[in-house]
C-alpha atoms as a PDB file:
ATOM      1  CA  MET A   1     -26.493   8.484 -42.568  1.00  0.00           C
ATOM      2  CA  GLN A   2     -26.271  10.488 -39.342  1.00  0.00           C
ATOM      3  CA  THR A   3     -26.868  14.202 -39.400  1.00  0.00           C
ATOM      4  CA  THR A   4     -24.227  16.622 -38.127  1.00  0.00           C
ATOM      5  CA  GLU A   5     -26.289  17.190 -34.947  1.00  0.00           C
ATOM      6  CA  ALA A   6     -26.483  13.465 -34.315  1.00  0.00           C
ATOM      7  CA  LEU A   7     -22.726  13.158 -34.850  1.00  0.00           C
ATOM      8  CA  LYS A   8     -22.174  16.017 -32.376  1.00  0.00           C
ATOM      9  CA  ARG A   9     -24.143  14.122 -29.730  1.00  0.00           C
ATOM     10  CA  THR A  10     -22.203  10.901 -30.442  1.00  0.00           C
ATOM     11  CA  ILE A  11     -18.878  12.751 -30.157  1.00  0.00           C
ATOM     12  CA  LYS A  12     -19.949  14.299 -26.833  1.00  0.00           C
ATOM     13  CA  SER A  13     -20.990  10.892 -25.446  1.00  0.00           C
ATOM     14  CA  ALA A  14     -17.673   9.366 -26.521  1.00  0.00           C
ATOM     15  CA  GLY A  15     -15.803  12.273 -24.909  1.00  0.00           C
ATOM     16  CA  ASP A  16     -17.705  11.797 -21.630  1.00  0.00           C
ATOM     17  CA  LEU A  17     -16.922   8.067 -21.702  1.00  0.00           C
ATOM     18  CA  LEU A  18     -13.247   8.843 -22.321  1.00  0.00           C
ATOM     19  CA  SER A  19     -13.217  11.080 -19.222  1.00  0.00           C
ATOM     20  CA  VAL A  20     -14.696   8.259 -17.125  1.00  0.00           C
ATOM     21  CA  VAL A  21     -12.143   5.771 -18.478  1.00  0.00           C
ATOM     22  CA  LYS A  22      -9.244   8.143 -17.721  1.00  0.00           C
ATOM     23  CA  THR A  23     -10.546   8.627 -14.166  1.00  0.00           C
ATOM     24  CA  MET A  24     -10.836   4.865 -13.614  1.00  0.00           C
ATOM     25  CA  LYS A  25      -7.364   4.422 -15.058  1.00  0.00           C
ATOM     26  CA  ALA A  26      -5.926   6.950 -12.594  1.00  0.00           C
ATOM     27  CA  LEU A  27      -7.774   5.352  -9.654  1.00  0.00           C
ATOM     28  CA  ALA A  28      -6.492   1.901 -10.627  1.00  0.00           C
ATOM     29  CA  ALA A  29      -2.897   3.174 -10.760  1.00  0.00           C
ATOM     30  CA  VAL A  30      -3.255   4.800  -7.317  1.00  0.00           C
ATOM     31  CA  SER A  31      -4.841   1.652  -5.860  1.00  0.00           C
ATOM     32  CA  ILE A  32      -2.016  -0.538  -7.171  1.00  0.00           C
ATOM     33  CA  ARG A  33       0.522   1.559  -5.273  1.00  0.00           C
ATOM     34  CA  GLN A  34      -1.657   1.481  -2.158  1.00  0.00           C
ATOM     35  CA  TYR A  35      -1.749  -2.329  -2.103  1.00  0.00           C
ATOM     36  CA  GLN A  36       1.932  -2.558  -3.043  1.00  0.00           C
ATOM     37  CA  LYS A  37       2.806  -0.540   0.049  1.00  0.00           C
ATOM     38  CA  ALA A  38       0.599  -2.848   2.118  1.00  0.00           C
ATOM     39  CA  VAL A  39       2.580  -5.866   0.880  1.00  0.00           C
ATOM     40  CA  GLU A  40       5.878  -4.085   1.543  1.00  0.00           C
ATOM     41  CA  SER A  41       4.774  -3.233   5.076  1.00  0.00           C
ATOM     42  CA  LEU A  42       4.352  -6.968   5.787  1.00  0.00           C
ATOM     43  CA  ALA A  43       8.074  -7.605   5.364  1.00  0.00           C
ATOM     44  CA  ASP A  44       9.064  -6.569   8.903  1.00  0.00           C
ATOM     45  CA  TYR A  45       6.001  -8.238  10.402  1.00  0.00           C
ATOM     46  CA  ASN A  46       6.767 -11.463   8.559  1.00  0.00           C
ATOM     47  CA  ARG A  47      10.421 -11.295   9.603  1.00  0.00           C
ATOM     48  CA  THR A  48       9.363 -10.999  13.263  1.00  0.00           C
ATOM     49  CA  VAL A  49       7.162 -14.093  12.951  1.00  0.00           C
ATOM     50  CA  GLU A  50       9.996 -16.023  11.292  1.00  0.00           C
ATOM     51  CA  MET A  51      12.420 -15.003  14.051  1.00  0.00           C
ATOM     52  CA  GLY A  52       9.938 -16.240  16.652  1.00  0.00           C
ATOM     53  CA  LEU A  53       9.695 -19.573  14.833  1.00  0.00           C
ATOM     54  CA  GLN A  54      13.475 -19.704  14.545  1.00  0.00           C
ATOM     55  CA  ILE A  55      13.879 -19.308  18.315  1.00  0.00           C
ATOM     56  CA  LEU A  56      11.259 -21.982  18.954  1.00  0.00           C
ATOM     57  CA  LEU A  57      12.659 -24.472  16.421  1.00  0.00           C
ATOM     58  CA  LYS A  58      16.246 -24.114  17.635  1.00  0.00           C
ATOM     59  CA  SER A  59      15.111 -24.700  21.201  1.00  0.00           C
ATOM     60  CA  GLN A  60      12.637 -27.444  20.300  1.00  0.00           C
ATOM     61  CA  PRO A  61      13.935 -29.139  17.094  1.00  0.00           C
ATOM     62  CA  ASP A  62      11.401 -31.964  17.391  1.00  0.00           C
ATOM     63  CA  LEU A  63       8.599 -29.515  16.620  1.00  0.00           C
ATOM     64  CA  THR A  64       9.502 -29.694  12.937  1.00  0.00           C
ATOM     65  CA  LEU A  65       8.163 -33.259  12.964  1.00  0.00           C
ATOM     66  CA  LEU A  66       4.686 -31.843  13.564  1.00  0.00           C
ATOM     67  CA  SER A  67       4.684 -30.707   9.942  1.00  0.00           C
ATOM     68  CA  ARG A  68       5.542 -34.055   8.397  1.00  0.00           C
ATOM     69  CA  PRO A  69       3.922 -34.258   4.902  1.00  0.00           C
ATOM     70  CA  GLN A  70       0.596 -36.072   4.798  1.00  0.00           C
ATOM     71  CA  PRO A  71      -1.645 -37.186   1.924  1.00  0.00           C
ATOM     72  CA  VAL A  72      -4.522 -34.824   1.117  1.00  0.00           C
ATOM     73  CA  ARG A  73      -7.836 -36.262   2.263  1.00  0.00           C
ATOM     74  CA  ARG A  74     -10.027 -33.205   2.840  1.00  0.00           C
ATOM     75  CA  LEU A  75      -9.061 -29.943   1.201  1.00  0.00           C
ATOM     76  CA  GLY A  76      -9.920 -26.417   2.317  1.00  0.00           C
ATOM     77  CA  VAL A  77      -9.466 -23.789  -0.388  1.00  0.00           C
ATOM     78  CA  ILE A  78      -9.525 -19.987  -0.432  1.00  0.00           C
ATOM     79  CA  VAL A  79      -9.722 -18.395  -3.901  1.00  0.00           C
ATOM     80  CA  PHE A  80      -9.241 -14.648  -4.259  1.00  0.00           C
ATOM     81  CA  GLY A  81     -11.040 -12.846  -7.086  1.00  0.00           C
ATOM     82  CA  SER A  82     -13.080  -9.667  -7.429  1.00  0.00           C
ATOM     83  CA  ASP A  83     -16.587  -8.347  -6.816  1.00  0.00           C
ATOM     84  CA  GLN A  84     -16.407  -5.739  -9.570  1.00  0.00           C
ATOM     85  CA  GLY A  85     -15.992  -6.113 -13.289  1.00  0.00           C
ATOM     86  CA  LEU A  86     -13.897  -4.254 -15.852  1.00  0.00           C
ATOM     87  CA  CYS A  87     -10.831  -6.248 -14.841  1.00  0.00           C
ATOM     88  CA  GLY A  88     -10.252  -8.413 -17.895  1.00  0.00           C
ATOM     89  CA  GLN A  89      -9.782 -12.136 -17.420  1.00  0.00           C
ATOM     90  CA  LEU A  90      -8.562 -11.910 -13.812  1.00  0.00           C
ATOM     91  CA  ASN A  91     -11.395 -13.997 -12.326  1.00  0.00           C
ATOM     92  CA  GLU A  92     -11.471 -16.522 -15.146  1.00  0.00           C
ATOM     93  CA  GLN A  93      -7.713 -17.074 -14.931  1.00  0.00           C
ATOM     94  CA  ILE A  94      -7.571 -17.591 -11.172  1.00  0.00           C
ATOM     95  CA  ALA A  95     -10.639 -19.877 -11.242  1.00  0.00           C
ATOM     96  CA  THR A  96      -9.091 -21.993 -14.002  1.00  0.00           C
ATOM     97  CA  HIS A  97      -5.770 -22.116 -12.129  1.00  0.00           C
ATOM     98  CA  ALA A  98      -7.438 -23.097  -8.836  1.00  0.00           C
ATOM     99  CA  LEU A  99      -9.508 -25.889 -10.394  1.00  0.00           C
ATOM    100  CA  SER A 100      -6.453 -27.257 -12.206  1.00  0.00           C
ATOM    101  CA  GLU A 101      -4.337 -27.213  -9.036  1.00  0.00           C
ATOM    102  CA  MET A 102      -7.079 -28.863  -6.990  1.00  0.00           C
ATOM    103  CA  ASP A 103      -7.295 -31.655  -9.550  1.00  0.00           C
ATOM    104  CA  ALA A 104      -3.506 -32.062  -9.338  1.00  0.00           C
ATOM    105  CA  LEU A 105      -3.805 -32.599  -5.558  1.00  0.00           C
ATOM    106  CA  LYS A 106      -6.184 -35.492  -6.324  1.00  0.00           C
ATOM    107  CA  ALA A 107      -8.701 -34.398  -3.728  1.00  0.00           C
ATOM    108  CA  PRO A 108     -12.207 -35.606  -4.714  1.00  0.00           C
ATOM    109  CA  ARG A 109     -14.631 -32.795  -5.536  1.00  0.00           C
ATOM    110  CA  SER A 110     -16.890 -33.944  -2.723  1.00  0.00           C
ATOM    111  CA  GLU A 111     -14.016 -33.456  -0.243  1.00  0.00           C
ATOM    112  CA  ARG A 112     -13.234 -29.883  -1.314  1.00  0.00           C
ATOM    113  CA  THR A 113     -14.527 -27.028   0.816  1.00  0.00           C
ATOM    114  CA  ILE A 114     -14.107 -23.722  -0.988  1.00  0.00           C
ATOM    115  CA  LEU A 115     -14.306 -20.152   0.204  1.00  0.00           C
ATOM    116  CA  SER A 116     -14.094 -17.446  -2.422  1.00  0.00           C
ATOM    117  CA  ALA A 117     -13.332 -13.772  -1.890  1.00  0.00           C
ATOM    118  CA  GLY A 118     -15.283 -12.093  -4.682  1.00  0.00           C
ATOM    119  CA  MET A 119     -18.664 -12.820  -6.253  1.00  0.00           C
ATOM    120  CA  ARG A 120     -17.343 -12.976  -9.809  1.00  0.00           C
ATOM    121  CA  VAL A 121     -14.793 -15.723  -9.184  1.00  0.00           C
ATOM    122  CA  THR A 122     -17.562 -17.707  -7.442  1.00  0.00           C
ATOM    123  CA  ASP A 123     -19.562 -17.664 -10.676  1.00  0.00           C
ATOM    124  CA  TYR A 124     -16.644 -19.039 -12.691  1.00  0.00           C
ATOM    125  CA  ILE A 125     -15.983 -21.842 -10.197  1.00  0.00           C
ATOM    126  CA  GLY A 126     -19.690 -22.685 -10.057  1.00  0.00           C
ATOM    127  CA  ASP A 127     -19.903 -22.782 -13.856  1.00  0.00           C
ATOM    128  CA  ALA A 128     -17.192 -25.484 -13.789  1.00  0.00           C
ATOM    129  CA  GLY A 129     -19.411 -27.656 -11.594  1.00  0.00           C
ATOM    130  CA  GLN A 130     -17.522 -27.064  -8.336  1.00  0.00           C
ATOM    131  CA  ARG A 131     -19.581 -26.027  -5.313  1.00  0.00           C
ATOM    132  CA  VAL A 132     -18.448 -22.988  -3.307  1.00  0.00           C
ATOM    133  CA  GLU A 133     -19.182 -23.215   0.416  1.00  0.00           C
ATOM    134  CA  GLU A 134     -18.922 -19.521   1.287  1.00  0.00           C
ATOM    135  CA  THR A 135     -18.436 -16.250  -0.570  1.00  0.00           C
ATOM    136  CA  LEU A 136     -17.066 -13.085   1.001  1.00  0.00           C
ATOM    137  CA  THR A 137     -16.902  -9.602  -0.450  1.00  0.00           C
ATOM    138  CA  THR A 138     -13.507  -8.090  -1.164  1.00  0.00           C
ATOM    139  CA  PRO A 139     -12.397  -5.037   0.846  1.00  0.00           C
ATOM    140  CA  GLY A 140     -12.378  -1.674  -0.879  1.00  0.00           C
ATOM    141  CA  SER A 141      -9.145  -0.478   0.738  1.00  0.00           C
ATOM    142  CA  THR A 142      -6.244  -1.646   2.899  1.00  0.00           C
ATOM    143  CA  SER A 143      -8.157  -0.697   6.054  1.00  0.00           C
ATOM    144  CA  GLY A 144     -10.726  -3.375   5.246  1.00  0.00           C
ATOM    145  CA  ILE A 145      -8.229  -6.212   4.813  1.00  0.00           C
ATOM    146  CA  THR A 146      -7.542  -6.941   8.495  1.00  0.00           C
ATOM    147  CA  PRO A 147     -11.210  -7.560   9.487  1.00  0.00           C
ATOM    148  CA  MET A 148     -11.611  -9.841   6.457  1.00  0.00           C
ATOM    149  CA  VAL A 149      -8.481 -11.807   7.388  1.00  0.00           C
ATOM    150  CA  GLN A 150      -9.740 -12.274  10.941  1.00  0.00           C
ATOM    151  CA  GLU A 151     -13.084 -13.512   9.640  1.00  0.00           C
ATOM    152  CA  ILE A 152     -11.398 -16.008   7.312  1.00  0.00           C
ATOM    153  CA  ILE A 153      -9.194 -17.325  10.132  1.00  0.00           C
ATOM    154  CA  MET A 154     -12.313 -17.991  12.222  1.00  0.00           C
ATOM    155  CA  ILE A 155     -13.933 -19.791   9.266  1.00  0.00           C
ATOM    156  CA  LEU A 156     -10.834 -21.940   8.744  1.00  0.00           C
ATOM    157  CA  GLU A 157     -10.782 -22.906  12.420  1.00  0.00           C
ATOM    158  CA  SER A 158     -14.420 -23.969  12.276  1.00  0.00           C
ATOM    159  CA  TRP A 159     -13.757 -25.983   9.111  1.00  0.00           C
ATOM    160  CA  ARG A 160     -10.798 -27.681  10.737  1.00  0.00           C
ATOM    161  CA  PHE A 161     -12.730 -28.874  13.783  1.00  0.00           C
ATOM    162  CA  GLU A 162     -16.189 -29.401  12.293  1.00  0.00           C
ATOM    163  CA  LYS A 163     -15.271 -30.754   8.858  1.00  0.00           C
ATOM    164  CA  HIS A 164     -11.909 -32.312   9.858  1.00  0.00           C
ATOM    165  CA  ILE A 165     -10.096 -30.621   6.974  1.00  0.00           C
ATOM    166  CA  ASP A 166      -6.374 -31.436   7.031  1.00  0.00           C
ATOM    167  CA  HIS A 167      -5.013 -29.254   4.188  1.00  0.00           C
ATOM    168  CA  PHE A 168      -5.616 -25.588   3.365  1.00  0.00           C
ATOM    169  CA  VAL A 169      -4.448 -23.869   0.168  1.00  0.00           C
ATOM    170  CA  LEU A 170      -4.589 -20.287  -1.122  1.00  0.00           C
ATOM    171  CA  TYR A 171      -5.031 -19.379  -4.787  1.00  0.00           C
ATOM    172  CA  TYR A 172      -4.601 -15.766  -5.807  1.00  0.00           C
ATOM    173  CA  ASN A 173      -3.087 -13.500  -8.440  1.00  0.00           C
ATOM    174  CA  LYS A 174       0.325 -12.131  -7.542  1.00  0.00           C
ATOM    175  CA  TYR A 175       1.088  -8.626  -8.784  1.00  0.00           C
ATOM    176  CA  LEU A 176       4.287  -8.371 -10.848  1.00  0.00           C
ATOM    177  CA  SER A 177       4.703  -4.894 -12.336  1.00  0.00           C
ATOM    178  CA  GLY A 178       2.869  -2.350 -14.438  1.00  0.00           C
ATOM    179  CA  ALA A 179      -0.350  -4.037 -15.514  1.00  0.00           C
ATOM    180  CA  SER A 180       0.920  -7.631 -15.212  1.00  0.00           C
ATOM    181  CA  TYR A 181       0.201 -10.400 -12.690  1.00  0.00           C
ATOM    182  CA  ARG A 182       0.123 -14.188 -12.530  1.00  0.00           C
ATOM    183  CA  PRO A 183      -1.886 -16.794 -10.586  1.00  0.00           C
ATOM    184  CA  ILE A 184      -0.009 -18.614  -7.824  1.00  0.00           C
ATOM    185  CA  THR A 185      -0.620 -21.398  -5.304  1.00  0.00           C
ATOM    186  CA  VAL A 186       0.347 -21.024  -1.627  1.00  0.00           C
ATOM    187  CA  PRO A 187       0.012 -24.037   0.712  1.00  0.00           C
ATOM    188  CA  LEU A 188      -1.290 -22.661   3.998  1.00  0.00           C
ATOM    189  CA  LEU A 189      -1.657 -25.605   6.376  1.00  0.00           C
ATOM    190  CA  PRO A 190       0.023 -27.802   7.341  1.00  0.00           C
ATOM    191  CA  VAL A 191       3.021 -25.486   7.421  1.00  0.00           C
ATOM    192  CA  ASP A 192       5.595 -26.343   4.760  1.00  0.00           C
ATOM    193  CA  PRO A 193       8.301 -28.464   6.519  1.00  0.00           C
ATOM    194  CA  ALA A 194      10.975 -27.313   4.053  1.00  0.00           C
ATOM    195  CA  TRP A 195      10.235 -23.703   4.992  1.00  0.00           C
ATOM    196  CA  LEU A 196      10.504 -24.572   8.697  1.00  0.00           C
ATOM    197  CA  ARG A 197      13.849 -26.326   8.135  1.00  0.00           C
ATOM    198  CA  ASP A 198      15.199 -23.301   6.282  1.00  0.00           C
ATOM    199  CA  ILE A 199      14.146 -21.037   9.140  1.00  0.00           C
ATOM    200  CA  ALA A 200      15.771 -23.323  11.708  1.00  0.00           C
ATOM    201  CA  LYS A 201      19.069 -23.302   9.752  1.00  0.00           C
ATOM    202  CA  LYS A 202      19.303 -19.517   9.527  1.00  0.00           C
ATOM    203  CA  LYS A 203      22.052 -17.797  11.459  1.00  0.00           C
ATOM    204  CA  TRP A 204      20.844 -15.690  14.357  1.00  0.00           C
ATOM    205  CA  PRO A 205      21.690 -11.998  13.737  1.00  0.00           C
ATOM    206  CA  SER A 206      23.293 -11.411  17.167  1.00  0.00           C
ATOM    207  CA  ARG A 207      25.603 -13.233  19.594  1.00  0.00           C
ATOM    208  CA  SER A 208      23.020 -13.718  22.323  1.00  0.00           C
ATOM    209  CA  PHE A 209      20.225 -16.140  21.548  1.00  0.00           C
ATOM    210  CA  PRO A 210      16.820 -15.275  23.113  1.00  0.00           C
ATOM    211  CA  ILE A 211      15.044 -17.632  25.501  1.00  0.00           C
ATOM    212  CA  PHE A 212      11.347 -17.995  26.212  1.00  0.00           C
ATOM    213  CA  THR A 213       9.322 -19.178  29.172  1.00  0.00           C
ATOM    214  CA  LEU A 214       5.990 -19.745  27.414  1.00  0.00           C
ATOM    215  CA  ASP A 215       4.854 -23.317  26.839  1.00  0.00           C
ATOM    216  CA  PRO A 216       6.286 -24.408  23.423  1.00  0.00           C
ATOM    217  CA  ASP A 217       2.933 -25.665  22.152  1.00  0.00           C
ATOM    218  CA  VAL A 218       1.200 -22.413  23.090  1.00  0.00           C
ATOM    219  CA  LEU A 219       3.983 -20.369  21.494  1.00  0.00           C
ATOM    220  CA  LEU A 220       3.855 -22.505  18.341  1.00  0.00           C
ATOM    221  CA  SER A 221       0.086 -22.083  18.100  1.00  0.00           C
ATOM    222  CA  THR A 222       0.430 -18.292  18.480  1.00  0.00           C
ATOM    223  CA  LEU A 223       3.168 -18.046  15.865  1.00  0.00           C
ATOM    224  CA  VAL A 224       1.250 -20.229  13.406  1.00  0.00           C
ATOM    225  CA  ARG A 225      -1.773 -17.978  13.865  1.00  0.00           C
ATOM    226  CA  GLU A 226       0.410 -14.945  13.053  1.00  0.00           C
ATOM    227  CA  TYR A 227       1.787 -16.822  10.055  1.00  0.00           C
ATOM    228  CA  LEU A 228      -1.791 -17.372   8.867  1.00  0.00           C
ATOM    229  CA  PHE A 229      -2.536 -13.680   9.301  1.00  0.00           C
ATOM    230  CA  VAL A 230       0.524 -12.641   7.252  1.00  0.00           C
ATOM    231  CA  SER A 231      -0.229 -15.166   4.487  1.00  0.00           C
ATOM    232  CA  LEU A 232      -3.894 -14.179   4.171  1.00  0.00           C
ATOM    233  CA  TYR A 233      -3.173 -10.446   4.369  1.00  0.00           C
ATOM    234  CA  ARG A 234      -0.544 -10.780   1.636  1.00  0.00           C
ATOM    235  CA  ALA A 235      -2.959 -12.801  -0.515  1.00  0.00           C
ATOM    236  CA  PHE A 236      -5.635 -10.107  -0.188  1.00  0.00           C
ATOM    237  CA  ALA A 237      -3.229  -7.252  -0.939  1.00  0.00           C
ATOM    238  CA  GLU A 238      -1.616  -9.022  -3.900  1.00  0.00           C
ATOM    239  CA  SER A 239      -5.007 -10.015  -5.312  1.00  0.00           C
ATOM    240  CA  LEU A 240      -6.380  -6.476  -5.003  1.00  0.00           C
ATOM    241  CA  ALA A 241      -3.242  -5.049  -6.618  1.00  0.00           C
ATOM    242  CA  SER A 242      -3.628  -7.570  -9.453  1.00  0.00           C
ATOM    243  CA  GLU A 243      -7.311  -6.677  -9.843  1.00  0.00           C
ATOM    244  CA  ASN A 244      -6.411  -3.021 -10.291  1.00  0.00           C
ATOM    245  CA  ALA A 245      -3.527  -3.927 -12.610  1.00  0.00           C
ATOM    246  CA  SER A 246      -5.962  -5.865 -14.799  1.00  0.00           C
ATOM    247  CA  ARG A 247      -8.427  -2.968 -14.642  1.00  0.00           C
ATOM    248  CA  LEU A 248      -5.620  -0.573 -15.586  1.00  0.00           C
ATOM    249  CA  ALA A 249      -4.830  -2.690 -18.655  1.00  0.00           C
ATOM    250  CA  SER A 250      -8.521  -2.814 -19.588  1.00  0.00           C
ATOM    251  CA  MET A 251      -8.851   0.948 -19.208  1.00  0.00           C
ATOM    252  CA  GLN A 252      -5.731   1.529 -21.300  1.00  0.00           C
ATOM    253  CA  ASN A 253      -7.221  -0.570 -24.101  1.00  0.00           C
ATOM    254  CA  ALA A 254     -10.579   1.171 -23.724  1.00  0.00           C
ATOM    255  CA  GLU A 255      -8.895   4.586 -23.810  1.00  0.00           C
ATOM    256  CA  LYS A 256      -7.063   3.686 -27.002  1.00  0.00           C
ATOM    257  CA  ASN A 257     -10.241   2.368 -28.648  1.00  0.00           C
ATOM    258  CA  ILE A 258     -12.288   5.415 -27.656  1.00  0.00           C
ATOM    259  CA  GLU A 259      -9.618   7.811 -28.895  1.00  0.00           C
ATOM    260  CA  GLU A 260      -9.504   5.983 -32.226  1.00  0.00           C
ATOM    261  CA  ARG A 261     -13.295   6.045 -32.401  1.00  0.00           C
ATOM    262  CA  LEU A 262     -13.330   9.772 -31.566  1.00  0.00           C
ATOM    263  CA  GLN A 263     -10.847  10.433 -34.337  1.00  0.00           C
ATOM    264  CA  GLU A 264     -13.061   8.541 -36.791  1.00  0.00           C
ATOM    265  CA  LEU A 265     -16.126  10.454 -35.592  1.00  0.00           C
ATOM    266  CA  HIS A 266     -14.374  13.809 -35.962  1.00  0.00           C
ATOM    267  CA  VAL A 267     -13.292  12.921 -39.504  1.00  0.00           C
ATOM    268  CA  HIS A 268     -16.807  11.753 -40.314  1.00  0.00           C
ATOM    269  CA  TYR A 269     -18.292  14.886 -38.706  1.00  0.00           C
ATOM    270  CA  HIS A 270     -16.049  17.254 -40.698  1.00  0.00           C
ATOM    271  CA  ARG A 271     -16.736  15.324 -43.895  1.00  0.00           C
ATOM    272  CA  GLN A 272     -20.476  15.412 -43.222  1.00  0.00           C
ATOM    273  CA  ARG A 273     -20.317  19.110 -42.353  1.00  0.00           C
ATOM    274  CA  GLN A 274     -18.382  19.826 -45.537  1.00  0.00           C
ATOM    275  CA  MET A 275     -20.919  17.864 -47.563  1.00  0.00           C
ATOM    276  CA  THR A 276     -23.736  19.842 -45.936  1.00  0.00           C
ATOM    277  CA  ILE A 277     -22.007  23.142 -46.692  1.00  0.00           C
ATOM    278  CA  THR A 278     -21.336  22.029 -50.263  1.00  0.00           C
ATOM    279  CA  GLU A 279     -24.974  21.023 -50.713  1.00  0.00           C
ATOM    280  CA  GLU A 280     -26.131  24.382 -49.346  1.00  0.00           C
ATOM    281  CA  LEU A 281     -23.767  26.229 -51.698  1.00  0.00           C
ATOM    282  CA  LEU A 282     -24.975  24.153 -54.645  1.00  0.00           C
ATOM    283  CA  ASP A 283     -28.559  24.960 -53.661  1.00  0.00           C
ATOM    284  CA  ILE A 284     -27.690  28.672 -53.562  1.00  0.00           C
ATOM    285  CA  VAL A 285     -25.942  28.506 -56.941  1.00  0.00           C
ATOM    286  CA  ALA A 286     -28.830  26.508 -58.422  1.00  0.00           C
ATOM    287  CA  GLY A 287     -31.328  29.018 -57.026  1.00  0.00           C
ATOM    288  CA  PHE A 288     -29.284  31.911 -58.336  1.00  0.00           C
ATOM    289  CA  GLU A 289     -29.093  30.305 -61.768  1.00  0.00           C
ATOM    290  CA  ALA A 290     -32.831  29.627 -61.673  1.00  0.00           C
ATOM    291  CA  LEU A 291     -33.488  33.275 -60.843  1.00  0.00           C
ATOM    292  CA  GLN A 292     -31.186  34.390 -63.630  1.00  0.00           C
ATOM    293  CA  GLU A 293     -32.953  32.065 -66.066  1.00  0.00           C
ATOM    294  CA  GLN A 294     -36.306  33.369 -64.892  1.00  0.00           C
ATOM    295  CA  ALA A 295     -35.085  36.961 -65.361  1.00  0.00           C
ATOM    296  CA  ARG A 296     -33.829  36.137 -68.856  1.00  0.00           C
ATOM    297  CA  LEU A 297     -37.153  34.581 -69.758  1.00  0.00           C
ATOM    298  CA  LYS A 298     -39.029  37.629 -68.492  1.00  0.00           C
ATOM    299  CA  ALA A 299     -36.700  39.986 -70.392  1.00  0.00           C
ATOM    300  CA  SER A 300     -37.073  37.927 -73.557  1.00  0.00           C
ATOM    301  CA  SER A 301     -40.836  37.871 -73.192  1.00  0.00           C
ATOM    302  CA  ALA A 302     -40.963  41.632 -72.649  1.00  0.00           C
ATOM    303  CA  HIS A 303     -38.757  42.242 -75.659  1.00  0.00           C
ATOM    304  CA  ALA A 304     -41.002  40.031 -77.802  1.00  0.00           C
ATOM    305  CA  GLU A 305     -44.097  41.902 -76.631  1.00  0.00           C
ATOM    306  CA  ARG A 306     -42.544  45.288 -77.535  1.00  0.00           C
ATOM    307  CA  GLY A 307     -41.625  43.921 -80.992  1.00  0.00           C
ATOM    308  CA  VAL A 308     -45.229  42.862 -81.653  1.00  0.00           C
ATOM    309  CA  SER A 309     -46.587  46.202 -80.493  1.00  0.00           C
ATOM    310  CA  SER A 310     -44.321  48.149 -82.872  1.00  0.00           C
END
């Protein structure tokens, strides 16, 4: 059984841990909003890219044929996870989802080239027997997303020309609300022909339709590159928001458990303290009674001695 001093130290340690958990919980909530705003800021950027594609496709309708569906022969994959822990099953879920979706595409494991953003998701994919070609660290804030996106685009270009990869897919967790998220699949390249047809059918917002003088192929290549940037940036921001949402949920559970444990410790401490006080009082009473008994014995002995003397 722990002493009251030992219980005091345990209660203090639990209180310190609770403070850390509350701080991490607050940071996770702030980070979620930060990455949410980053996703929201992409809306206008994405709309501009879509309008550029709309102008190009209306002027050059045959360009949509460039995205005719093709069977998957070599698959390039980007999986977004986390470098840090304390985020529940986020990495396990996205790794399981990615492996399942890759199997559904029927691309042989030997023809899959995988890049993972986050050391922890790499471990889960590796444990399933799937090799990961490259692993990148995840950015710590929105300011670090753009350089990471640019690096990934360069890697994808090298894969496309050196490894002759014909399909690229993104797997990441999409943030929903509160502390919830879900894994999703986003085909990256070739560009979804259905999406291109929908863009081409949209009504132009003004009466005058813009014209362009740039070579159509050059303009298409530029717009596709911007489309890649938007898609990858959104994947990073959504994944980071989901990571913090999962961490928020973990911290909420930890906070609840620590508070319950603290309550138990306080009850145990007060009970132990009361038992100690009771034992001390019993010792005092027992000592007092022993002294009284000793005094009675002395008085009795003295009285007996006086009786003998008389």
